[in-house]
mmCIF file of all heavy atoms, coordinates in Angstrom:
data_MODEL
# 
_entry.id   MODEL 
# 
loop_
_atom_site.group_PDB 
_atom_site.id 
_atom_site.type_symbol 
_atom_site.label_atom_id 
_atom_site.label_alt_id 
_atom_site.label_comp_id 
_atom_site.label_asym_id 
_atom_site.label_entity_id 
_atom_site.label_seq_id 
_atom_site.pdbx_PDB_ins_code 
_atom_site.Cartn_x 
_atom_site.Cartn_y 
_atom_site.Cartn_z 
_atom_site.occupancy 
_atom_site.B_iso_or_equiv 
_atom_site.pdbx_formal_charge 
_atom_site.auth_seq_id 
_atom_site.auth_comp_id 
_atom_site.auth_asym_id 
_atom_site.auth_atom_id 
_atom_site.pdbx_PDB_model_num 
ATOM 1   N N   . ARG A 1 1  ? -118.857 9.854  -99.831  1.00 0.00 ? 1  ARG A N   1 
ATOM 2   C CA  . ARG A 1 1  ? -117.864 9.789  -98.753  1.00 0.00 ? 1  ARG A CA  1 
ATOM 3   C C   . ARG A 1 1  ? -118.355 8.918  -97.607  1.00 0.00 ? 1  ARG A C   1 
ATOM 4   O O   . ARG A 1 1  ? -117.582 8.191  -96.994  1.00 0.00 ? 1  ARG A O   1 
ATOM 5   C CB  . ARG A 1 1  ? -117.551 11.199 -98.253  1.00 0.00 ? 1  ARG A CB  1 
ATOM 6   C CG  . ARG A 1 1  ? -116.771 12.031 -99.255  1.00 0.00 ? 1  ARG A CG  1 
ATOM 7   C CD  . ARG A 1 1  ? -116.523 13.435 -98.737  1.00 0.00 ? 1  ARG A CD  1 
ATOM 8   N NE  . ARG A 1 1  ? -115.710 14.202 -99.670  1.00 0.00 ? 1  ARG A NE  1 
ATOM 9   C CZ  . ARG A 1 1  ? -115.459 15.496 -99.550  1.00 0.00 ? 1  ARG A CZ  1 
ATOM 10  N NH1 . ARG A 1 1  ? -115.964 16.167 -98.524  1.00 0.00 ? 1  ARG A NH1 1 
ATOM 11  N NH2 . ARG A 1 1  ? -114.712 16.119 -100.431 1.00 0.00 ? 1  ARG A NH2 1 
ATOM 12  N N   . ARG A 1 2  ? -119.650 8.993  -97.347  1.00 0.00 ? 2  ARG A N   1 
ATOM 13  C CA  . ARG A 1 2  ? -120.209 8.171  -96.292  1.00 0.00 ? 2  ARG A CA  1 
ATOM 14  C C   . ARG A 1 2  ? -120.038 6.684  -96.620  1.00 0.00 ? 2  ARG A C   1 
ATOM 15  O O   . ARG A 1 2  ? -119.730 5.869  -95.763  1.00 0.00 ? 2  ARG A O   1 
ATOM 16  C CB  . ARG A 1 2  ? -121.684 8.511  -96.106  1.00 0.00 ? 2  ARG A CB  1 
ATOM 17  C CG  . ARG A 1 2  ? -122.305 7.841  -94.878  1.00 0.00 ? 2  ARG A CG  1 
ATOM 18  C CD  . ARG A 1 2  ? -123.234 6.722  -95.242  1.00 0.00 ? 2  ARG A CD  1 
ATOM 19  N NE  . ARG A 1 2  ? -123.863 6.167  -94.059  1.00 0.00 ? 2  ARG A NE  1 
ATOM 20  C CZ  . ARG A 1 2  ? -124.787 5.232  -94.074  1.00 0.00 ? 2  ARG A CZ  1 
ATOM 21  N NH1 . ARG A 1 2  ? -125.203 4.745  -95.231  1.00 0.00 ? 2  ARG A NH1 1 
ATOM 22  N NH2 . ARG A 1 2  ? -125.297 4.756  -92.962  1.00 0.00 ? 2  ARG A NH2 1 
ATOM 23  N N   . GLY A 1 3  ? -120.223 6.342  -97.899  1.00 0.00 ? 3  GLY A N   1 
ATOM 24  C CA  . GLY A 1 3  ? -120.060 4.961  -98.313  1.00 0.00 ? 3  GLY A CA  1 
ATOM 25  C C   . GLY A 1 3  ? -118.654 4.449  -98.113  1.00 0.00 ? 3  GLY A C   1 
ATOM 26  O O   . GLY A 1 3  ? -118.439 3.252  -97.938  1.00 0.00 ? 3  GLY A O   1 
ATOM 27  N N   . GLU A 1 4  ? -117.674 5.355  -98.114  1.00 0.00 ? 4  GLU A N   1 
ATOM 28  C CA  . GLU A 1 4  ? -116.285 4.960  -97.947  1.00 0.00 ? 4  GLU A CA  1 
ATOM 29  C C   . GLU A 1 4  ? -115.904 4.764  -96.483  1.00 0.00 ? 4  GLU A C   1 
ATOM 30  O O   . GLU A 1 4  ? -114.867 4.181  -96.183  1.00 0.00 ? 4  GLU A O   1 
ATOM 31  C CB  . GLU A 1 4  ? -115.365 6.012  -98.581  1.00 0.00 ? 4  GLU A CB  1 
ATOM 32  C CG  . GLU A 1 4  ? -115.532 6.146  -100.087 1.00 0.00 ? 4  GLU A CG  1 
ATOM 33  C CD  . GLU A 1 4  ? -114.860 7.385  -100.624 1.00 0.00 ? 4  GLU A CD  1 
ATOM 34  O OE1 . GLU A 1 4  ? -114.593 8.305  -99.831  1.00 0.00 ? 4  GLU A OE1 1 
ATOM 35  O OE2 . GLU A 1 4  ? -114.609 7.438  -101.851 1.00 0.00 ? 4  GLU A OE2 1 
ATOM 36  N N   . SER A 1 5  ? -116.729 5.302  -95.571  1.00 0.00 ? 5  SER A N   1 
ATOM 37  C CA  . SER A 1 5  ? -116.322 5.249  -94.162  1.00 0.00 ? 5  SER A CA  1 
ATOM 38  C C   . SER A 1 5  ? -117.469 4.912  -93.217  1.00 0.00 ? 5  SER A C   1 
ATOM 39  O O   . SER A 1 5  ? -117.384 5.176  -92.023  1.00 0.00 ? 5  SER A O   1 
ATOM 40  C CB  . SER A 1 5  ? -115.716 6.595  -93.748  1.00 0.00 ? 5  SER A CB  1 
ATOM 41  O OG  . SER A 1 5  ? -116.641 7.641  -93.948  1.00 0.00 ? 5  SER A OG  1 
ATOM 42  N N   . ALA A 1 6  ? -118.561 4.346  -93.739  1.00 0.00 ? 6  ALA A N   1 
ATOM 43  C CA  . ALA A 1 6  ? -119.712 4.044  -92.889  1.00 0.00 ? 6  ALA A CA  1 
ATOM 44  C C   . ALA A 1 6  ? -119.422 2.868  -91.978  1.00 0.00 ? 6  ALA A C   1 
ATOM 45  O O   . ALA A 1 6  ? -118.760 1.902  -92.368  1.00 0.00 ? 6  ALA A O   1 
ATOM 46  C CB  . ALA A 1 6  ? -120.934 3.751  -93.759  1.00 0.00 ? 6  ALA A CB  1 
ATOM 47  N N   . LEU A 1 7  ? -119.937 2.936  -90.761  1.00 0.00 ? 7  LEU A N   1 
ATOM 48  C CA  . LEU A 1 7  ? -119.796 1.849  -89.803  1.00 0.00 ? 7  LEU A CA  1 
ATOM 49  C C   . LEU A 1 7  ? -121.144 1.178  -89.588  1.00 0.00 ? 7  LEU A C   1 
ATOM 50  O O   . LEU A 1 7  ? -122.194 1.770  -89.844  1.00 0.00 ? 7  LEU A O   1 
ATOM 51  C CB  . LEU A 1 7  ? -119.284 2.378  -88.459  1.00 0.00 ? 7  LEU A CB  1 
ATOM 52  C CG  . LEU A 1 7  ? -117.950 3.118  -88.452  1.00 0.00 ? 7  LEU A CG  1 
ATOM 53  C CD1 . LEU A 1 7  ? -117.617 3.569  -87.039  1.00 0.00 ? 7  LEU A CD1 1 
ATOM 54  C CD2 . LEU A 1 7  ? -116.837 2.243  -89.006  1.00 0.00 ? 7  LEU A CD2 1 
ATOM 55  N N   . THR A 1 8  ? -121.115 -0.045 -89.106  1.00 0.00 ? 8  THR A N   1 
ATOM 56  C CA  . THR A 1 8  ? -122.332 -0.702 -88.668  1.00 0.00 ? 8  THR A CA  1 
ATOM 57  C C   . THR A 1 8  ? -122.660 -0.190 -87.261  1.00 0.00 ? 8  THR A C   1 
ATOM 58  O O   . THR A 1 8  ? -121.850 0.499  -86.642  1.00 0.00 ? 8  THR A O   1 
ATOM 59  C CB  . THR A 1 8  ? -122.130 -2.227 -88.643  1.00 0.00 ? 8  THR A CB  1 
ATOM 60  O OG1 . THR A 1 8  ? -121.041 -2.533 -87.767  1.00 0.00 ? 8  THR A OG1 1 
ATOM 61  C CG2 . THR A 1 8  ? -121.817 -2.759 -90.020  1.00 0.00 ? 8  THR A CG2 1 
ATOM 62  N N   . PRO A 1 9  ? -123.843 -0.509 -86.731  1.00 0.00 ? 9  PRO A N   1 
ATOM 63  C CA  . PRO A 1 9  ? -124.212 0.031  -85.420  1.00 0.00 ? 9  PRO A CA  1 
ATOM 64  C C   . PRO A 1 9  ? -123.218 -0.311 -84.323  1.00 0.00 ? 9  PRO A C   1 
ATOM 65  O O   . PRO A 1 9  ? -122.683 -1.414 -84.264  1.00 0.00 ? 9  PRO A O   1 
ATOM 66  C CB  . PRO A 1 9  ? -125.573 -0.629 -85.150  1.00 0.00 ? 9  PRO A CB  1 
ATOM 67  C CG  . PRO A 1 9  ? -126.131 -0.882 -86.508  1.00 0.00 ? 9  PRO A CG  1 
ATOM 68  C CD  . PRO A 1 9  ? -124.940 -1.249 -87.357  1.00 0.00 ? 9  PRO A CD  1 
ATOM 69  N N   . TRP A 1 10 ? -122.960 0.672  -83.480  1.00 0.00 ? 10 TRP A N   1 
ATOM 70  C CA  . TRP A 1 10 ? -122.158 0.481  -82.273  1.00 0.00 ? 10 TRP A CA  1 
ATOM 71  C C   . TRP A 1 10 ? -122.981 0.996  -81.095  1.00 0.00 ? 10 TRP A C   1 
ATOM 72  O O   . TRP A 1 10 ? -123.967 1.698  -81.273  1.00 0.00 ? 10 TRP A O   1 
ATOM 73  C CB  . TRP A 1 10 ? -120.823 1.221  -82.357  1.00 0.00 ? 10 TRP A CB  1 
ATOM 74  C CG  . TRP A 1 10 ? -120.899 2.618  -82.914  1.00 0.00 ? 10 TRP A CG  1 
ATOM 75  C CD1 . TRP A 1 10 ? -120.602 3.016  -84.186  1.00 0.00 ? 10 TRP A CD1 1 
ATOM 76  C CD2 . TRP A 1 10 ? -121.323 3.812  -82.224  1.00 0.00 ? 10 TRP A CD2 1 
ATOM 77  N NE1 . TRP A 1 10 ? -120.812 4.375  -84.344  1.00 0.00 ? 10 TRP A NE1 1 
ATOM 78  C CE2 . TRP A 1 10 ? -121.248 4.882  -83.142  1.00 0.00 ? 10 TRP A CE2 1 
ATOM 79  C CE3 . TRP A 1 10 ? -121.753 4.081  -80.928  1.00 0.00 ? 10 TRP A CE3 1 
ATOM 80  C CZ2 . TRP A 1 10 ? -121.598 6.198  -82.799  1.00 0.00 ? 10 TRP A CZ2 1 
ATOM 81  C CZ3 . TRP A 1 10 ? -122.098 5.379  -80.580  1.00 0.00 ? 10 TRP A CZ3 1 
ATOM 82  C CH2 . TRP A 1 10 ? -122.017 6.414  -81.513  1.00 0.00 ? 10 TRP A CH2 1 
ATOM 83  N N   . ASP A 1 11 ? -122.582 0.652  -79.875  1.00 0.00 ? 11 ASP A N   1 
ATOM 84  C CA  . ASP A 1 11 ? -123.336 1.061  -78.686  1.00 0.00 ? 11 ASP A CA  1 
ATOM 85  C C   . ASP A 1 11 ? -122.617 2.140  -77.876  1.00 0.00 ? 11 ASP A C   1 
ATOM 86  O O   . ASP A 1 11 ? -123.265 2.973  -77.252  1.00 0.00 ? 11 ASP A O   1 
ATOM 87  C CB  . ASP A 1 11 ? -123.612 -0.162 -77.806  1.00 0.00 ? 11 ASP A CB  1 
ATOM 88  C CG  . ASP A 1 11 ? -124.507 -1.165 -78.508  1.00 0.00 ? 11 ASP A CG  1 
ATOM 89  O OD1 . ASP A 1 11 ? -125.725 -0.926 -78.572  1.00 0.00 ? 11 ASP A OD1 1 
ATOM 90  O OD2 . ASP A 1 11 ? -123.985 -2.169 -79.020  1.00 0.00 ? 11 ASP A OD2 1 
ATOM 91  N N   . VAL A 1 12 ? -121.301 2.101  -77.864  1.00 0.00 ? 12 VAL A N   1 
ATOM 92  C CA  . VAL A 1 12 ? -120.494 3.132  -77.213  1.00 0.00 ? 12 VAL A CA  1 
ATOM 93  C C   . VAL A 1 12 ? -119.337 3.453  -78.147  1.00 0.00 ? 12 VAL A C   1 
ATOM 94  O O   . VAL A 1 12 ? -118.719 2.548  -78.718  1.00 0.00 ? 12 VAL A O   1 
ATOM 95  C CB  . VAL A 1 12 ? -119.932 2.663  -75.854  1.00 0.00 ? 12 VAL A CB  1 
ATOM 96  C CG1 . VAL A 1 12 ? -119.139 3.796  -75.181  1.00 0.00 ? 12 VAL A CG1 1 
ATOM 97  C CG2 . VAL A 1 12 ? -121.051 2.188  -74.926  1.00 0.00 ? 12 VAL A CG2 1 
ATOM 98  N N   . ALA A 1 13 ? -119.057 4.739  -78.323  1.00 0.00 ? 13 ALA A N   1 
ATOM 99  C CA  . ALA A 1 13 ? -117.942 5.143  -79.186  1.00 0.00 ? 13 ALA A CA  1 
ATOM 100 C C   . ALA A 1 13 ? -117.139 6.222  -78.488  1.00 0.00 ? 13 ALA A C   1 
ATOM 101 O O   . ALA A 1 13 ? -117.684 7.083  -77.799  1.00 0.00 ? 13 ALA A O   1 
ATOM 102 C CB  . ALA A 1 13 ? -118.444 5.645  -80.540  1.00 0.00 ? 13 ALA A CB  1 
ATOM 103 N N   . ALA A 1 14 ? -115.819 6.181  -78.678  1.00 0.00 ? 14 ALA A N   1 
ATOM 104 C CA  . ALA A 1 14 ? -114.944 7.202  -78.107  1.00 0.00 ? 14 ALA A CA  1 
ATOM 105 C C   . ALA A 1 14 ? -113.764 7.435  -79.023  1.00 0.00 ? 14 ALA A C   1 
ATOM 106 O O   . ALA A 1 14 ? -113.306 6.524  -79.728  1.00 0.00 ? 14 ALA A O   1 
ATOM 107 C CB  . ALA A 1 14 ? -114.459 6.793  -76.717  1.00 0.00 ? 14 ALA A CB  1 
ATOM 108 N N   . VAL A 1 15 ? -113.289 8.675  -79.029  1.00 0.00 ? 15 VAL A N   1 
ATOM 109 C CA  . VAL A 1 15 ? -112.086 9.057  -79.753  1.00 0.00 ? 15 VAL A CA  1 
ATOM 110 C C   . VAL A 1 15 ? -111.150 9.688  -78.741  1.00 0.00 ? 15 VAL A C   1 
ATOM 111 O O   . VAL A 1 15 ? -111.580 10.489 -77.897  1.00 0.00 ? 15 VAL A O   1 
ATOM 112 C CB  . VAL A 1 15 ? -112.393 10.069 -80.875  1.00 0.00 ? 15 VAL A CB  1 
ATOM 113 C CG1 . VAL A 1 15 ? -111.158 10.353 -81.707  1.00 0.00 ? 15 VAL A CG1 1 
ATOM 114 C CG2 . VAL A 1 15 ? -113.518 9.559  -81.747  1.00 0.00 ? 15 VAL A CG2 1 
ATOM 115 N N   . GLY A 1 16 ? -109.858 9.339  -78.794  1.00 0.00 ? 16 GLY A N   1 
ATOM 116 C CA  . GLY A 1 16 ? -108.927 9.857  -77.805  1.00 0.00 ? 16 GLY A CA  1 
ATOM 117 C C   . GLY A 1 16 ? -107.593 10.272 -78.394  1.00 0.00 ? 16 GLY A C   1 
ATOM 118 O O   . GLY A 1 16 ? -107.103 9.650  -79.342  1.00 0.00 ? 16 GLY A O   1 
ATOM 119 N N   . ASP A 1 17 ? -107.011 11.331 -77.849  1.00 0.00 ? 17 ASP A N   1 
ATOM 120 C CA  . ASP A 1 17 ? -105.659 11.780 -78.199  1.00 0.00 ? 17 ASP A CA  1 
ATOM 121 C C   . ASP A 1 17 ? -104.662 11.214 -77.198  1.00 0.00 ? 17 ASP A C   1 
ATOM 122 O O   . ASP A 1 17 ? -104.895 11.257 -75.978  1.00 0.00 ? 17 ASP A O   1 
ATOM 123 C CB  . ASP A 1 17 ? -105.565 13.309 -78.141  1.00 0.00 ? 17 ASP A CB  1 
ATOM 124 C CG  . ASP A 1 17 ? -105.896 13.967 -79.483  1.00 0.00 ? 17 ASP A CG  1 
ATOM 125 O OD1 . ASP A 1 17 ? -106.182 13.240 -80.430  1.00 0.00 ? 17 ASP A OD1 1 
ATOM 126 O OD2 . ASP A 1 17 ? -105.868 15.207 -79.549  1.00 0.00 ? 17 ASP A OD2 1 
ATOM 127 N N   . VAL A 1 18 ? -103.551 10.703 -77.718  1.00 0.00 ? 18 VAL A N   1 
ATOM 128 C CA  . VAL A 1 18 ? -102.505 10.115 -76.876  1.00 0.00 ? 18 VAL A CA  1 
ATOM 129 C C   . VAL A 1 18 ? -101.164 10.689 -77.310  1.00 0.00 ? 18 VAL A C   1 
ATOM 130 O O   . VAL A 1 18 ? -100.912 10.861 -78.507  1.00 0.00 ? 18 VAL A O   1 
ATOM 131 C CB  . VAL A 1 18 ? -102.484 8.576  -77.010  1.00 0.00 ? 18 VAL A CB  1 
ATOM 132 C CG1 . VAL A 1 18 ? -101.383 7.968  -76.150  1.00 0.00 ? 18 VAL A CG1 1 
ATOM 133 C CG2 . VAL A 1 18 ? -103.842 7.989  -76.634  1.00 0.00 ? 18 VAL A CG2 1 
ATOM 134 N N   . PHE A 1 19 ? -100.300 10.987 -76.353  1.00 0.00 ? 19 PHE A N   1 
ATOM 135 C CA  . PHE A 1 19 ? -98.924  11.349 -76.675  1.00 0.00 ? 19 PHE A CA  1 
ATOM 136 C C   . PHE A 1 19 ? -98.150  10.061 -76.931  1.00 0.00 ? 19 PHE A C   1 
ATOM 137 O O   . PHE A 1 19 ? -98.034  9.212  -76.047  1.00 0.00 ? 19 PHE A O   1 
ATOM 138 C CB  . PHE A 1 19 ? -98.265  12.123 -75.532  1.00 0.00 ? 19 PHE A CB  1 
ATOM 139 C CG  . PHE A 1 19 ? -98.861  13.481 -75.295  1.00 0.00 ? 19 PHE A CG  1 
ATOM 140 C CD1 . PHE A 1 19 ? -99.341  13.834 -74.045  1.00 0.00 ? 19 PHE A CD1 1 
ATOM 141 C CD2 . PHE A 1 19 ? -98.934  14.407 -76.322  1.00 0.00 ? 19 PHE A CD2 1 
ATOM 142 C CE1 . PHE A 1 19 ? -99.888  15.084 -73.826  1.00 0.00 ? 19 PHE A CE1 1 
ATOM 143 C CE2 . PHE A 1 19 ? -99.486  15.657 -76.114  1.00 0.00 ? 19 PHE A CE2 1 
ATOM 144 C CZ  . PHE A 1 19 ? -99.957  15.992 -74.868  1.00 0.00 ? 19 PHE A CZ  1 
ATOM 145 N N   . ALA A 1 20 ? -97.636  9.887  -78.137  1.00 0.00 ? 20 ALA A N   1 
ATOM 146 C CA  . ALA A 1 20 ? -96.929  8.661  -78.494  1.00 0.00 ? 20 ALA A CA  1 
ATOM 147 C C   . ALA A 1 20 ? -95.729  8.456  -77.583  1.00 0.00 ? 20 ALA A C   1 
ATOM 148 O O   . ALA A 1 20 ? -94.917  9.368  -77.383  1.00 0.00 ? 20 ALA A O   1 
ATOM 149 C CB  . ALA A 1 20 ? -96.470  8.726  -79.947  1.00 0.00 ? 20 ALA A CB  1 
ATOM 150 N N   . ASP A 1 21 ? -95.626  7.252  -77.021  1.00 0.00 ? 21 ASP A N   1 
ATOM 151 C CA  . ASP A 1 21 ? -94.508  6.898  -76.143  1.00 0.00 ? 21 ASP A CA  1 
ATOM 152 C C   . ASP A 1 21 ? -94.367  7.858  -74.977  1.00 0.00 ? 21 ASP A C   1 
ATOM 153 O O   . ASP A 1 21 ? -93.287  8.006  -74.402  1.00 0.00 ? 21 ASP A O   1 
ATOM 154 C CB  . ASP A 1 21 ? -93.184  6.858  -76.925  1.00 0.00 ? 21 ASP A CB  1 
ATOM 155 C CG  . ASP A 1 21 ? -93.232  5.842  -78.062  1.00 0.00 ? 21 ASP A CG  1 
ATOM 156 O OD1 . ASP A 1 21 ? -93.819  4.761  -77.840  1.00 0.00 ? 21 ASP A OD1 1 
ATOM 157 O OD2 . ASP A 1 21 ? -92.707  6.126  -79.146  1.00 0.00 ? 21 ASP A OD2 1 
ATOM 158 N N   . GLY A 1 22 ? -95.459  8.557  -74.638  1.00 0.00 ? 22 GLY A N   1 
ATOM 159 C CA  . GLY A 1 22 ? -95.416  9.471  -73.514  1.00 0.00 ? 22 GLY A CA  1 
ATOM 160 C C   . GLY A 1 22 ? -94.630  10.730 -73.758  1.00 0.00 ? 22 GLY A C   1 
ATOM 161 O O   . GLY A 1 22 ? -94.301  11.453 -72.830  1.00 0.00 ? 22 GLY A O   1 
ATOM 162 N N   . VAL A 1 23 ? -94.296  11.040 -75.004  1.00 0.00 ? 23 VAL A N   1 
ATOM 163 C CA  . VAL A 1 23 ? -93.502  12.227 -75.312  1.00 0.00 ? 23 VAL A CA  1 
ATOM 164 C C   . VAL A 1 23 ? -94.367  13.217 -76.072  1.00 0.00 ? 23 VAL A C   1 
ATOM 165 O O   . VAL A 1 23 ? -94.987  12.880 -77.073  1.00 0.00 ? 23 VAL A O   1 
ATOM 166 C CB  . VAL A 1 23 ? -92.267  11.874 -76.160  1.00 0.00 ? 23 VAL A CB  1 
ATOM 167 C CG1 . VAL A 1 23 ? -91.478  13.127 -76.490  1.00 0.00 ? 23 VAL A CG1 1 
ATOM 168 C CG2 . VAL A 1 23 ? -91.396  10.882 -75.419  1.00 0.00 ? 23 VAL A CG2 1 
ATOM 169 N N   . ALA A 1 24 ? -94.396  14.463 -75.614  1.00 0.00 ? 24 ALA A N   1 
ATOM 170 C CA  . ALA A 1 24 ? -95.219  15.477 -76.260  1.00 0.00 ? 24 ALA A CA  1 
ATOM 171 C C   . ALA A 1 24 ? -94.413  16.275 -77.252  1.00 0.00 ? 24 ALA A C   1 
ATOM 172 O O   . ALA A 1 24 ? -93.209  16.454 -77.106  1.00 0.00 ? 24 ALA A O   1 
ATOM 173 C CB  . ALA A 1 24 ? -95.793  16.426 -75.204  1.00 0.00 ? 24 ALA A CB  1 
ATOM 174 N N   . ALA A 1 25 ? -95.098  16.762 -78.286  1.00 0.00 ? 25 ALA A N   1 
ATOM 175 C CA  . ALA A 1 25 ? -94.477  17.737 -79.168  1.00 0.00 ? 25 ALA A CA  1 
ATOM 176 C C   . ALA A 1 25 ? -94.259  19.022 -78.389  1.00 0.00 ? 25 ALA A C   1 
ATOM 177 O O   . ALA A 1 25 ? -95.065  19.386 -77.546  1.00 0.00 ? 25 ALA A O   1 
ATOM 178 C CB  . ALA A 1 25 ? -95.382  18.009 -80.364  1.00 0.00 ? 25 ALA A CB  1 
ATOM 179 N N   . THR A 1 26 ? -93.168  19.710 -78.621  1.00 0.00 ? 26 THR A N   1 
ATOM 180 C CA  . THR A 1 26 ? -92.879  20.924 -77.872  1.00 0.00 ? 26 THR A CA  1 
ATOM 181 C C   . THR A 1 26 ? -92.688  22.089 -78.813  1.00 0.00 ? 26 THR A C   1 
ATOM 182 O O   . THR A 1 26 ? -92.104  21.967 -79.885  1.00 0.00 ? 26 THR A O   1 
ATOM 183 C CB  . THR A 1 26 ? -91.596  20.770 -77.029  1.00 0.00 ? 26 THR A CB  1 
ATOM 184 O OG1 . THR A 1 26 ? -90.518  20.389 -77.885  1.00 0.00 ? 26 THR A OG1 1 
ATOM 185 C CG2 . THR A 1 26 ? -91.776  19.706 -75.963  1.00 0.00 ? 26 THR A CG2 1 
ATOM 186 N N   . GLY A 1 27 ? -93.206  23.228 -78.410  1.00 0.00 ? 27 GLY A N   1 
ATOM 187 C CA  . GLY A 1 27 ? -92.996  24.457 -79.152  1.00 0.00 ? 27 GLY A CA  1 
ATOM 188 C C   . GLY A 1 27 ? -91.860  25.233 -78.525  1.00 0.00 ? 27 GLY A C   1 
ATOM 189 O O   . GLY A 1 27 ? -91.316  24.854 -77.499  1.00 0.00 ? 27 GLY A O   1 
ATOM 190 N N   . SER A 1 28 ? -91.494  26.332 -79.128  1.00 0.00 ? 28 SER A N   1 
ATOM 191 C CA  . SER A 1 28 ? -90.444  27.174 -78.577  1.00 0.00 ? 28 SER A CA  1 
ATOM 192 C C   . SER A 1 28 ? -91.066  28.413 -77.969  1.00 0.00 ? 28 SER A C   1 
ATOM 193 O O   . SER A 1 28 ? -92.121  28.867 -78.377  1.00 0.00 ? 28 SER A O   1 
ATOM 194 C CB  . SER A 1 28 ? -89.459  27.590 -79.680  1.00 0.00 ? 28 SER A CB  1 
ATOM 195 O OG  . SER A 1 28 ? -90.135  28.318 -80.682  1.00 0.00 ? 28 SER A OG  1 
ATOM 196 N N   . THR A 1 29 ? -90.424  28.956 -76.949  1.00 0.00 ? 29 THR A N   1 
ATOM 197 C CA  . THR A 1 29 ? -90.892  30.155 -76.289  1.00 0.00 ? 29 THR A CA  1 
ATOM 198 C C   . THR A 1 29 ? -89.799  31.191 -76.346  1.00 0.00 ? 29 THR A C   1 
ATOM 199 O O   . THR A 1 29 ? -88.680  30.947 -75.887  1.00 0.00 ? 29 THR A O   1 
ATOM 200 C CB  . THR A 1 29 ? -91.280  29.867 -74.823  1.00 0.00 ? 29 THR A CB  1 
ATOM 201 O OG1 . THR A 1 29 ? -92.258  28.831 -74.798  1.00 0.00 ? 29 THR A OG1 1 
ATOM 202 C CG2 . THR A 1 29 ? -91.832  31.111 -74.160  1.00 0.00 ? 29 THR A CG2 1 
ATOM 203 N N   . ASP A 1 30 ? -90.100  32.360 -76.922  1.00 0.00 ? 30 ASP A N   1 
ATOM 204 C CA  . ASP A 1 30 ? -89.068  33.376 -77.063  1.00 0.00 ? 30 ASP A CA  1 
ATOM 205 C C   . ASP A 1 30 ? -88.922  34.200 -75.787  1.00 0.00 ? 30 ASP A C   1 
ATOM 206 O O   . ASP A 1 30 ? -89.586  33.950 -74.779  1.00 0.00 ? 30 ASP A O   1 
ATOM 207 C CB  . ASP A 1 30 ? -89.348  34.277 -78.271  1.00 0.00 ? 30 ASP A CB  1 
ATOM 208 C CG  . ASP A 1 30 ? -90.671  35.022 -78.149  1.00 0.00 ? 30 ASP A CG  1 
ATOM 209 O OD1 . ASP A 1 30 ? -91.121  35.245 -77.009  1.00 0.00 ? 30 ASP A OD1 1 
ATOM 210 O OD2 . ASP A 1 30 ? -91.231  35.393 -79.202  1.00 0.00 ? 30 ASP A OD2 1 
# 
């Protein structure tokens, strides 16, 4: 699995969550 997704060296890495088009998924409240 590592061979399928290995990266070369990087110096800074970040992962971020974004609401697409600024719209959030909404749940319901009873």
